[in-house]
């Protein structure tokens, strides 16, 4: 039986929607203390992966990879550079955090997102905005997608459904029985 491709293997991400998502997160966190690139990456990741789990599709479909401090948007740096060139945002360096904060130049358009996506985005922002970068990095290291990926490997959206612990022998045997029954 041929294995179905993972979401990121079968779909192309929506860069225009990611730009709007970055502007929206920057706008929503404008007054939040210490909201640098670590927290931005985690917010984007949580919004996309939680949307996949709850709505059946991510908000942007962009690819995230395993990095030392947790999942990161694979194309974040070139995307932010393009947004700066297009005068959509600028980055302010925080010498204490040693990170850049994204500042939007325009009020984001909400038309790109449906009601459920907006709720998912707001939940992701609220979950992360008051945490420290270290706390959110530690939390992201509990995500099975990050834990099971190799360094710099793309984290599949399907990872939101992976168990956060090792399977018991009984669970493993049950899974094998399901796979065996499906292949008949």
N, C-alpha and C. Protein backbone atom coordinates (compact mmCIF):
# COMPACT_ATOMS: atom_id res chain seq x y z
N UNK A 1 0.84 -1.17 0.00
CA UNK A 1 0.00 0.00 0.00
C UNK A 1 0.89 1.24 0.00
N UNK A 2 0.58 2.19 -0.86
CA UNK A 2 1.36 3.41 -0.97
C UNK A 2 1.03 4.34 0.20
N UNK A 3 2.07 4.88 0.81
CA UNK A 3 1.91 5.79 1.93
C UNK A 3 1.48 7.17 1.43
N UNK A 4 0.49 7.74 2.08
CA UNK A 4 0.02 9.09 1.73
C UNK A 4 1.10 10.10 2.09
N UNK A 5 1.28 11.15 1.28
CA UNK A 5 2.30 12.16 1.60
C UNK A 5 1.89 12.97 2.83
N UNK A 6 2.87 13.49 3.53
CA UNK A 6 2.62 14.38 4.65
C UNK A 6 2.10 15.71 4.10
N UNK A 7 1.43 16.48 4.95
CA UNK A 7 0.83 17.73 4.50
C UNK A 7 1.84 18.62 3.78
N UNK A 8 3.01 18.82 4.38
CA UNK A 8 4.00 19.74 3.78
C UNK A 8 4.59 19.19 2.48
N UNK A 9 4.45 17.90 2.25
CA UNK A 9 4.94 17.31 1.00
C UNK A 9 3.93 17.49 -0.14
N UNK A 10 2.67 17.66 0.21
CA UNK A 10 1.61 17.74 -0.80
C UNK A 10 1.07 19.16 -1.01
N UNK A 11 1.46 20.09 -0.15
CA UNK A 11 0.91 21.45 -0.23
C UNK A 11 2.03 22.49 -0.21
N UNK A 12 1.75 23.60 -0.84
CA UNK A 12 2.66 24.74 -0.83
C UNK A 12 2.13 25.74 0.17
N UNK A 13 3.01 26.33 0.96
CA UNK A 13 2.59 27.32 1.93
C UNK A 13 2.14 28.61 1.26
N UNK A 14 1.36 29.38 1.99
CA UNK A 14 0.81 30.64 1.51
C UNK A 14 1.63 31.79 2.11
N UNK A 15 2.62 32.26 1.34
CA UNK A 15 3.51 33.31 1.84
C UNK A 15 2.78 34.62 2.11
N UNK A 16 1.83 34.98 1.27
CA UNK A 16 1.09 36.22 1.48
C UNK A 16 0.32 36.17 2.80
N UNK A 17 -0.25 35.02 3.10
CA UNK A 17 -0.99 34.88 4.35
C UNK A 17 -0.03 34.88 5.54
N UNK A 18 1.16 34.33 5.38
CA UNK A 18 2.16 34.37 6.46
C UNK A 18 2.59 35.81 6.73
N UNK A 19 2.76 36.59 5.68
CA UNK A 19 3.11 38.00 5.87
C UNK A 19 2.03 38.69 6.71
N UNK A 20 0.77 38.41 6.38
CA UNK A 20 -0.33 39.01 7.12
C UNK A 20 -0.34 38.50 8.57
N UNK A 21 -0.04 37.22 8.75
CA UNK A 21 0.02 36.65 10.10
C UNK A 21 1.14 37.30 10.92
N UNK A 22 2.29 37.51 10.31
CA UNK A 22 3.40 38.17 11.02
C UNK A 22 2.99 39.59 11.42
N UNK A 23 2.36 40.32 10.50
CA UNK A 23 1.91 41.68 10.84
C UNK A 23 0.88 41.65 11.97
N UNK A 24 -0.04 40.67 11.92
CA UNK A 24 -1.06 40.57 12.95
C UNK A 24 -0.45 40.26 14.32
N UNK A 25 0.47 39.31 14.36
CA UNK A 25 1.13 38.98 15.63
C UNK A 25 1.92 40.19 16.14
N UNK A 26 2.62 40.89 15.27
CA UNK A 26 3.37 42.09 15.68
C UNK A 26 2.42 43.15 16.23
N UNK A 27 1.29 43.32 15.60
CA UNK A 27 0.29 44.29 16.03
C UNK A 27 -0.29 43.91 17.40
N UNK A 28 -0.64 42.64 17.56
CA UNK A 28 -1.24 42.18 18.82
C UNK A 28 -0.27 42.19 19.99
N UNK A 29 1.02 42.14 19.71
CA UNK A 29 2.02 42.08 20.78
C UNK A 29 2.81 43.39 20.91
N UNK A 30 2.31 44.41 20.28
CA UNK A 30 2.98 45.71 20.26
C UNK A 30 3.42 46.18 21.65
N UNK A 31 2.57 46.03 22.65
CA UNK A 31 2.91 46.51 23.99
C UNK A 31 3.46 45.43 24.90
N UNK A 32 3.56 44.22 24.41
CA UNK A 32 4.06 43.12 25.25
C UNK A 32 5.56 43.26 25.46
N UNK A 33 6.00 43.12 26.70
CA UNK A 33 7.45 43.22 26.93
C UNK A 33 8.17 42.01 26.35
N UNK A 34 9.34 42.24 25.88
CA UNK A 34 10.25 41.19 25.39
C UNK A 34 9.60 40.21 24.44
N UNK A 35 9.07 40.72 23.35
CA UNK A 35 8.48 39.84 22.34
C UNK A 35 9.39 39.84 21.11
N UNK A 36 10.44 39.04 21.18
CA UNK A 36 11.42 38.98 20.11
C UNK A 36 11.18 37.82 19.17
N UNK A 37 12.20 37.48 18.41
CA UNK A 37 12.08 36.47 17.36
C UNK A 37 11.77 35.08 17.91
N UNK A 38 12.24 34.75 19.12
CA UNK A 38 11.91 33.44 19.70
C UNK A 38 10.41 33.31 19.89
N UNK A 39 9.82 34.30 20.52
CA UNK A 39 8.38 34.24 20.79
C UNK A 39 7.56 34.39 19.51
N UNK A 40 8.05 35.17 18.56
CA UNK A 40 7.37 35.28 17.27
C UNK A 40 7.32 33.91 16.59
N UNK A 41 8.47 33.24 16.51
CA UNK A 41 8.52 31.91 15.88
C UNK A 41 7.55 30.94 16.55
N UNK A 42 7.54 30.93 17.89
CA UNK A 42 6.67 29.99 18.60
C UNK A 42 5.20 30.33 18.38
N UNK A 43 4.86 31.61 18.34
CA UNK A 43 3.47 32.01 18.11
C UNK A 43 3.01 31.58 16.73
N UNK A 44 3.83 31.82 15.71
CA UNK A 44 3.48 31.41 14.35
C UNK A 44 3.29 29.90 14.29
N UNK A 45 4.22 29.17 14.91
CA UNK A 45 4.17 27.71 14.91
C UNK A 45 2.91 27.21 15.62
N UNK A 46 2.66 27.72 16.84
CA UNK A 46 1.48 27.26 17.58
C UNK A 46 0.20 27.58 16.82
N UNK A 47 0.12 28.75 16.23
CA UNK A 47 -1.09 29.09 15.48
C UNK A 47 -1.29 28.13 14.31
N UNK A 48 -0.25 27.89 13.51
CA UNK A 48 -0.38 27.00 12.36
C UNK A 48 -0.68 25.55 12.78
N UNK A 49 0.07 25.03 13.74
CA UNK A 49 -0.11 23.63 14.14
C UNK A 49 -1.44 23.42 14.88
N UNK A 50 -1.84 24.37 15.72
CA UNK A 50 -3.13 24.23 16.40
C UNK A 50 -4.28 24.33 15.41
N UNK A 51 -4.15 25.17 14.40
CA UNK A 51 -5.19 25.24 13.37
C UNK A 51 -5.29 23.90 12.64
N UNK A 52 -4.15 23.30 12.34
CA UNK A 52 -4.15 21.99 11.68
C UNK A 52 -4.89 20.96 12.55
N UNK A 53 -4.63 20.99 13.84
CA UNK A 53 -5.26 20.02 14.74
C UNK A 53 -6.76 20.27 14.89
N UNK A 54 -7.14 21.53 15.00
CA UNK A 54 -8.53 21.87 15.30
C UNK A 54 -9.40 22.07 14.06
N UNK A 55 -8.80 22.57 12.99
CA UNK A 55 -9.59 22.93 11.81
C UNK A 55 -9.33 22.01 10.61
N UNK A 56 -8.31 21.15 10.72
CA UNK A 56 -8.00 20.24 9.63
C UNK A 56 -7.06 20.78 8.59
N UNK A 57 -6.63 22.05 8.76
CA UNK A 57 -5.65 22.65 7.85
C UNK A 57 -4.94 23.77 8.60
N UNK A 58 -3.65 23.96 8.31
CA UNK A 58 -2.93 25.07 8.97
C UNK A 58 -3.39 26.41 8.42
N UNK A 59 -3.04 27.46 9.09
CA UNK A 59 -3.41 28.80 8.64
C UNK A 59 -2.63 29.17 7.39
N UNK A 60 -1.32 28.92 7.40
CA UNK A 60 -0.48 29.32 6.26
C UNK A 60 0.08 28.14 5.48
N UNK A 61 0.26 27.01 6.13
CA UNK A 61 0.85 25.84 5.47
C UNK A 61 2.36 25.97 5.24
N UNK A 62 2.97 27.00 5.80
CA UNK A 62 4.42 27.19 5.64
C UNK A 62 5.15 26.12 6.45
N UNK A 63 6.41 25.87 6.11
CA UNK A 63 7.17 24.82 6.76
C UNK A 63 7.94 25.34 7.97
N UNK A 64 7.93 24.52 9.02
CA UNK A 64 8.68 24.78 10.24
C UNK A 64 9.74 23.70 10.38
N UNK A 65 10.85 24.05 10.99
CA UNK A 65 11.95 23.11 11.14
C UNK A 65 12.39 23.05 12.60
N UNK A 66 13.10 21.98 12.92
CA UNK A 66 13.67 21.85 14.25
C UNK A 66 14.93 22.71 14.32
N UNK A 67 15.00 23.56 15.32
CA UNK A 67 16.19 24.34 15.63
C UNK A 67 16.50 24.15 17.11
N UNK A 68 17.64 24.59 17.53
CA UNK A 68 18.10 24.38 18.90
C UNK A 68 17.08 24.81 19.95
N UNK A 69 16.48 25.98 19.76
CA UNK A 69 15.58 26.52 20.78
C UNK A 69 14.11 26.23 20.50
N UNK A 70 13.84 25.32 19.59
CA UNK A 70 12.46 24.93 19.30
C UNK A 70 12.15 25.06 17.83
N UNK A 71 10.88 24.87 17.47
CA UNK A 71 10.48 24.97 16.07
C UNK A 71 10.59 26.41 15.56
N UNK A 72 11.05 26.55 14.32
CA UNK A 72 11.14 27.88 13.71
C UNK A 72 10.61 27.82 12.29
N UNK A 73 10.06 28.93 11.86
CA UNK A 73 9.60 29.03 10.47
C UNK A 73 10.82 28.95 9.57
N UNK A 74 10.82 28.00 8.68
CA UNK A 74 11.98 27.77 7.81
C UNK A 74 12.38 29.04 7.05
N UNK A 75 11.42 29.80 6.60
CA UNK A 75 11.70 30.97 5.74
C UNK A 75 11.60 32.30 6.48
N UNK A 76 11.66 32.30 7.81
CA UNK A 76 11.41 33.54 8.55
C UNK A 76 12.37 34.66 8.17
N UNK A 77 13.66 34.42 8.18
CA UNK A 77 14.62 35.50 7.94
C UNK A 77 14.46 36.10 6.54
N UNK A 78 14.44 35.30 5.47
CA UNK A 78 14.24 35.92 4.16
C UNK A 78 12.87 36.60 4.03
N UNK A 79 11.88 36.06 4.70
CA UNK A 79 10.55 36.66 4.64
C UNK A 79 10.55 38.03 5.34
N UNK A 80 11.16 38.12 6.51
CA UNK A 80 11.25 39.40 7.21
C UNK A 80 12.08 40.41 6.42
N UNK A 81 13.15 39.95 5.79
CA UNK A 81 13.96 40.85 4.97
C UNK A 81 13.13 41.40 3.80
N UNK A 82 12.34 40.55 3.16
CA UNK A 82 11.48 41.00 2.06
C UNK A 82 10.41 41.96 2.57
N UNK A 83 9.85 41.69 3.72
CA UNK A 83 8.84 42.58 4.29
C UNK A 83 9.43 43.94 4.64
N UNK A 84 10.69 43.95 5.09
CA UNK A 84 11.37 45.22 5.36
C UNK A 84 11.61 45.99 4.06
N UNK A 85 12.07 45.29 3.03
CA UNK A 85 12.30 45.95 1.72
C UNK A 85 11.00 46.55 1.18
N UNK A 86 9.88 45.86 1.45
CA UNK A 86 8.57 46.32 0.97
C UNK A 86 7.93 47.32 1.94
N UNK A 87 8.69 47.72 2.96
CA UNK A 87 8.24 48.70 3.95
C UNK A 87 6.97 48.28 4.69
N UNK A 88 6.81 46.99 4.91
CA UNK A 88 5.67 46.47 5.67
C UNK A 88 5.98 46.45 7.16
N UNK A 89 7.24 46.23 7.49
CA UNK A 89 7.68 46.11 8.89
C UNK A 89 9.08 46.70 9.01
N UNK A 90 9.53 46.82 10.25
CA UNK A 90 10.96 46.99 10.52
C UNK A 90 11.26 46.19 11.79
N UNK A 91 12.53 45.90 11.98
CA UNK A 91 12.94 45.15 13.16
C UNK A 91 13.74 46.07 14.06
N UNK A 92 13.41 46.00 15.35
CA UNK A 92 14.14 46.77 16.36
C UNK A 92 14.93 45.77 17.19
N UNK A 93 16.22 46.02 17.34
CA UNK A 93 17.05 45.11 18.13
C UNK A 93 16.91 45.43 19.61
N UNK A 94 16.64 44.41 20.40
CA UNK A 94 16.57 44.55 21.85
C UNK A 94 17.91 44.08 22.42
N UNK A 95 18.72 45.00 22.94
CA UNK A 95 20.05 44.61 23.42
C UNK A 95 20.01 43.69 24.65
N UNK A 96 18.95 43.78 25.43
CA UNK A 96 18.83 42.90 26.60
C UNK A 96 18.50 41.48 26.16
N UNK A 97 17.52 41.34 25.27
CA UNK A 97 17.13 40.02 24.78
C UNK A 97 18.13 39.46 23.77
N UNK A 98 18.86 40.35 23.11
CA UNK A 98 19.72 39.97 21.99
C UNK A 98 18.89 39.36 20.87
N UNK A 99 17.71 39.91 20.67
CA UNK A 99 16.80 39.47 19.61
C UNK A 99 16.18 40.69 18.95
N UNK A 100 15.62 40.46 17.77
CA UNK A 100 14.89 41.52 17.07
C UNK A 100 13.41 41.38 17.33
N UNK A 101 12.76 42.53 17.46
CA UNK A 101 11.31 42.60 17.59
C UNK A 101 10.77 43.13 16.27
N UNK A 102 9.70 42.53 15.78
CA UNK A 102 9.08 42.98 14.54
C UNK A 102 8.04 44.06 14.87
N UNK A 103 8.13 45.17 14.15
CA UNK A 103 7.18 46.27 14.30
C UNK A 103 6.50 46.46 12.95
N UNK A 104 5.18 46.38 12.96
CA UNK A 104 4.44 46.52 11.70
C UNK A 104 4.23 48.00 11.36
N UNK A 105 4.21 48.31 10.07
CA UNK A 105 3.98 49.68 9.61
C UNK A 105 2.52 49.89 9.22
N UNK A 106 1.74 48.82 9.22
CA UNK A 106 0.35 48.92 8.79
C UNK A 106 -0.52 48.09 9.71
N UNK A 107 -1.75 48.52 9.85
CA UNK A 107 -2.71 47.71 10.58
C UNK A 107 -2.97 46.48 9.71
N UNK A 108 -2.86 45.30 10.30
CA UNK A 108 -3.03 44.09 9.48
C UNK A 108 -4.46 43.94 8.98
N UNK A 109 -4.60 43.34 7.84
CA UNK A 109 -5.91 43.06 7.29
C UNK A 109 -6.41 41.74 7.85
N UNK A 110 -7.59 41.75 8.42
CA UNK A 110 -8.16 40.53 8.98
C UNK A 110 -8.90 39.71 7.92
N UNK A 111 -9.04 40.27 6.73
CA UNK A 111 -9.77 39.59 5.66
C UNK A 111 -9.12 38.29 5.22
N UNK A 112 -7.83 38.15 5.50
CA UNK A 112 -7.11 36.93 5.11
C UNK A 112 -7.50 35.72 5.95
N UNK A 113 -8.11 35.96 7.11
CA UNK A 113 -8.37 34.90 8.07
C UNK A 113 -9.86 34.73 8.32
N UNK A 114 -10.27 33.47 8.48
CA UNK A 114 -11.67 33.26 8.87
C UNK A 114 -11.78 33.35 10.39
N UNK A 115 -12.99 33.28 10.92
CA UNK A 115 -13.24 33.47 12.34
C UNK A 115 -12.48 32.46 13.20
N UNK A 116 -12.47 31.21 12.77
CA UNK A 116 -11.78 30.16 13.55
C UNK A 116 -10.27 30.38 13.54
N UNK A 117 -9.73 30.79 12.40
CA UNK A 117 -8.29 31.07 12.32
C UNK A 117 -7.92 32.23 13.25
N UNK A 118 -8.73 33.29 13.25
CA UNK A 118 -8.45 34.43 14.12
C UNK A 118 -8.47 34.01 15.59
N UNK A 119 -9.43 33.19 15.96
CA UNK A 119 -9.50 32.71 17.35
C UNK A 119 -8.25 31.90 17.70
N UNK A 120 -7.79 31.08 16.77
CA UNK A 120 -6.58 30.27 16.99
C UNK A 120 -5.36 31.17 17.14
N UNK A 121 -5.26 32.20 16.33
CA UNK A 121 -4.13 33.14 16.40
C UNK A 121 -4.12 33.87 17.74
N UNK A 122 -5.28 34.37 18.15
CA UNK A 122 -5.37 35.09 19.41
C UNK A 122 -5.01 34.17 20.58
N UNK A 123 -5.46 32.93 20.55
CA UNK A 123 -5.10 31.97 21.61
C UNK A 123 -3.59 31.76 21.66
N UNK A 124 -2.96 31.64 20.49
CA UNK A 124 -1.51 31.43 20.45
C UNK A 124 -0.78 32.65 21.03
N UNK A 125 -1.21 33.84 20.66
CA UNK A 125 -0.59 35.06 21.18
C UNK A 125 -0.77 35.14 22.69
N UNK A 126 -1.99 34.89 23.17
CA UNK A 126 -2.26 34.99 24.60
C UNK A 126 -1.47 33.95 25.40
N UNK A 127 -1.28 32.79 24.83
CA UNK A 127 -0.54 31.73 25.51
C UNK A 127 0.93 32.10 25.70
N UNK A 128 1.49 32.81 24.74
CA UNK A 128 2.93 33.01 24.69
C UNK A 128 3.38 34.39 25.16
N UNK A 129 2.57 35.41 24.98
CA UNK A 129 3.06 36.78 25.13
C UNK A 129 3.65 37.12 26.50
N UNK A 130 3.16 36.50 27.58
CA UNK A 130 3.68 36.83 28.90
C UNK A 130 4.76 35.86 29.39
N UNK A 131 5.08 34.84 28.58
CA UNK A 131 6.13 33.90 28.95
C UNK A 131 7.50 34.50 28.57
N UNK A 132 8.54 34.02 29.21
CA UNK A 132 9.87 34.42 28.79
C UNK A 132 10.27 33.58 27.58
N UNK A 133 11.27 34.03 26.85
CA UNK A 133 11.76 33.26 25.70
C UNK A 133 12.24 31.89 26.15
N UNK A 134 12.89 31.82 27.31
CA UNK A 134 13.36 30.55 27.84
C UNK A 134 12.21 29.61 28.18
N UNK A 135 11.16 30.16 28.79
CA UNK A 135 10.00 29.32 29.14
C UNK A 135 9.33 28.77 27.89
N UNK A 136 9.17 29.60 26.88
CA UNK A 136 8.49 29.13 25.67
C UNK A 136 9.37 28.15 24.90
N UNK A 137 10.69 28.36 24.94
CA UNK A 137 11.59 27.39 24.29
C UNK A 137 11.51 26.04 25.01
N UNK A 138 11.52 26.07 26.34
CA UNK A 138 11.41 24.82 27.10
C UNK A 138 10.09 24.12 26.79
N UNK A 139 9.00 24.89 26.73
CA UNK A 139 7.70 24.30 26.41
C UNK A 139 7.71 23.69 25.01
N UNK A 140 8.32 24.38 24.06
CA UNK A 140 8.34 23.88 22.68
C UNK A 140 9.14 22.58 22.57
N UNK A 141 10.04 22.34 23.50
CA UNK A 141 10.83 21.11 23.48
C UNK A 141 10.02 19.90 23.93
N UNK A 142 8.80 20.12 24.44
CA UNK A 142 7.92 19.01 24.79
C UNK A 142 7.06 18.59 23.59
N UNK A 143 7.05 19.38 22.54
CA UNK A 143 6.25 19.09 21.34
C UNK A 143 6.84 17.87 20.64
N UNK A 144 6.05 16.81 20.46
CA UNK A 144 6.58 15.60 19.81
C UNK A 144 7.18 15.85 18.43
N UNK A 145 6.66 16.79 17.69
CA UNK A 145 7.21 17.09 16.37
C UNK A 145 8.64 17.59 16.47
N UNK A 146 8.93 18.42 17.46
CA UNK A 146 10.29 18.92 17.66
C UNK A 146 11.17 17.79 18.20
N UNK A 147 10.66 17.05 19.19
CA UNK A 147 11.46 15.99 19.82
C UNK A 147 11.86 14.89 18.85
N UNK A 148 11.00 14.58 17.89
CA UNK A 148 11.25 13.46 16.99
C UNK A 148 11.91 13.85 15.68
N UNK A 149 12.09 15.13 15.44
CA UNK A 149 12.75 15.57 14.20
C UNK A 149 14.25 15.64 14.40
N UNK A 150 14.97 15.48 13.30
CA UNK A 150 16.41 15.71 13.31
C UNK A 150 16.63 17.23 13.20
N UNK A 151 17.78 17.70 13.64
CA UNK A 151 18.08 19.13 13.58
C UNK A 151 17.91 19.64 12.14
N UNK A 152 17.18 20.72 11.97
CA UNK A 152 16.88 21.41 10.71
C UNK A 152 15.92 20.63 9.81
N UNK A 153 15.39 19.53 10.28
CA UNK A 153 14.42 18.76 9.50
C UNK A 153 13.05 19.44 9.60
N UNK A 154 12.26 19.35 8.52
CA UNK A 154 10.90 19.88 8.54
C UNK A 154 10.05 19.08 9.51
N UNK A 155 9.29 19.79 10.33
CA UNK A 155 8.38 19.15 11.29
C UNK A 155 7.03 19.00 10.60
N UNK A 156 6.54 17.77 10.45
CA UNK A 156 5.27 17.59 9.77
C UNK A 156 4.10 18.10 10.62
N UNK A 157 3.10 18.68 9.97
CA UNK A 157 1.91 19.14 10.69
C UNK A 157 1.24 17.99 11.43
N UNK A 158 1.34 16.79 10.89
CA UNK A 158 0.73 15.62 11.52
C UNK A 158 1.29 15.35 12.91
N UNK A 159 2.42 15.95 13.25
CA UNK A 159 3.04 15.75 14.56
C UNK A 159 2.15 16.21 15.71
N UNK A 160 1.17 17.08 15.43
CA UNK A 160 0.27 17.51 16.51
C UNK A 160 -0.54 16.34 17.06
N UNK A 161 -0.60 15.24 16.32
CA UNK A 161 -1.36 14.08 16.77
C UNK A 161 -0.47 12.99 17.37
N UNK A 162 0.82 13.20 17.40
CA UNK A 162 1.73 12.20 17.95
C UNK A 162 1.67 12.21 19.47
N UNK A 163 1.85 11.05 20.06
CA UNK A 163 1.84 10.93 21.51
C UNK A 163 3.06 11.64 22.10
N UNK A 164 2.87 12.38 23.19
CA UNK A 164 4.00 13.09 23.80
C UNK A 164 4.88 12.18 24.67
N UNK A 165 4.64 10.89 24.59
CA UNK A 165 5.41 9.93 25.37
C UNK A 165 5.60 8.67 24.54
N UNK A 166 6.44 7.79 25.02
CA UNK A 166 6.63 6.51 24.36
C UNK A 166 5.35 5.69 24.48
N UNK A 167 5.02 4.95 23.44
CA UNK A 167 3.84 4.08 23.48
C UNK A 167 4.11 2.89 24.40
N UNK A 168 3.04 2.43 25.06
CA UNK A 168 3.17 1.20 25.84
C UNK A 168 3.21 0.04 24.84
N UNK A 169 3.64 -1.11 25.31
CA UNK A 169 3.67 -2.30 24.45
C UNK A 169 2.29 -2.61 23.90
N UNK A 170 1.25 -2.48 24.74
CA UNK A 170 -0.13 -2.76 24.30
C UNK A 170 -0.56 -1.77 23.21
N UNK A 171 -0.21 -0.47 23.37
CA UNK A 171 -0.57 0.53 22.36
C UNK A 171 0.16 0.25 21.05
N UNK A 172 1.41 -0.12 21.16
CA UNK A 172 2.21 -0.44 19.97
C UNK A 172 1.60 -1.63 19.23
N UNK A 173 1.26 -2.70 19.94
CA UNK A 173 0.65 -3.89 19.31
C UNK A 173 -0.69 -3.53 18.67
N UNK A 174 -1.48 -2.71 19.36
CA UNK A 174 -2.78 -2.30 18.82
C UNK A 174 -2.58 -1.52 17.52
N UNK A 175 -1.62 -0.61 17.49
CA UNK A 175 -1.31 0.14 16.26
C UNK A 175 -0.90 -0.77 15.12
N UNK A 176 -0.08 -1.76 15.42
CA UNK A 176 0.33 -2.73 14.41
C UNK A 176 -0.87 -3.51 13.88
N UNK A 177 -1.78 -3.85 14.78
CA UNK A 177 -2.98 -4.60 14.34
C UNK A 177 -3.84 -3.75 13.43
N UNK A 178 -3.95 -2.46 13.71
CA UNK A 178 -4.71 -1.56 12.84
C UNK A 178 -4.06 -1.45 11.46
N UNK A 179 -2.75 -1.29 11.47
CA UNK A 179 -2.01 -1.20 10.19
C UNK A 179 -2.15 -2.49 9.40
N UNK A 180 -2.09 -3.62 10.08
CA UNK A 180 -2.22 -4.92 9.42
C UNK A 180 -3.62 -5.07 8.82
N UNK A 181 -4.64 -4.69 9.59
CA UNK A 181 -6.02 -4.79 9.10
C UNK A 181 -6.24 -3.86 7.90
N UNK A 182 -5.63 -2.70 7.93
CA UNK A 182 -5.80 -1.73 6.84
C UNK A 182 -5.12 -2.20 5.55
N UNK A 183 -4.04 -2.96 5.69
CA UNK A 183 -3.30 -3.39 4.49
C UNK A 183 -3.94 -4.60 3.80
N UNK A 184 -4.94 -5.17 4.40
CA UNK A 184 -5.59 -6.34 3.77
C UNK A 184 -6.55 -5.97 2.70
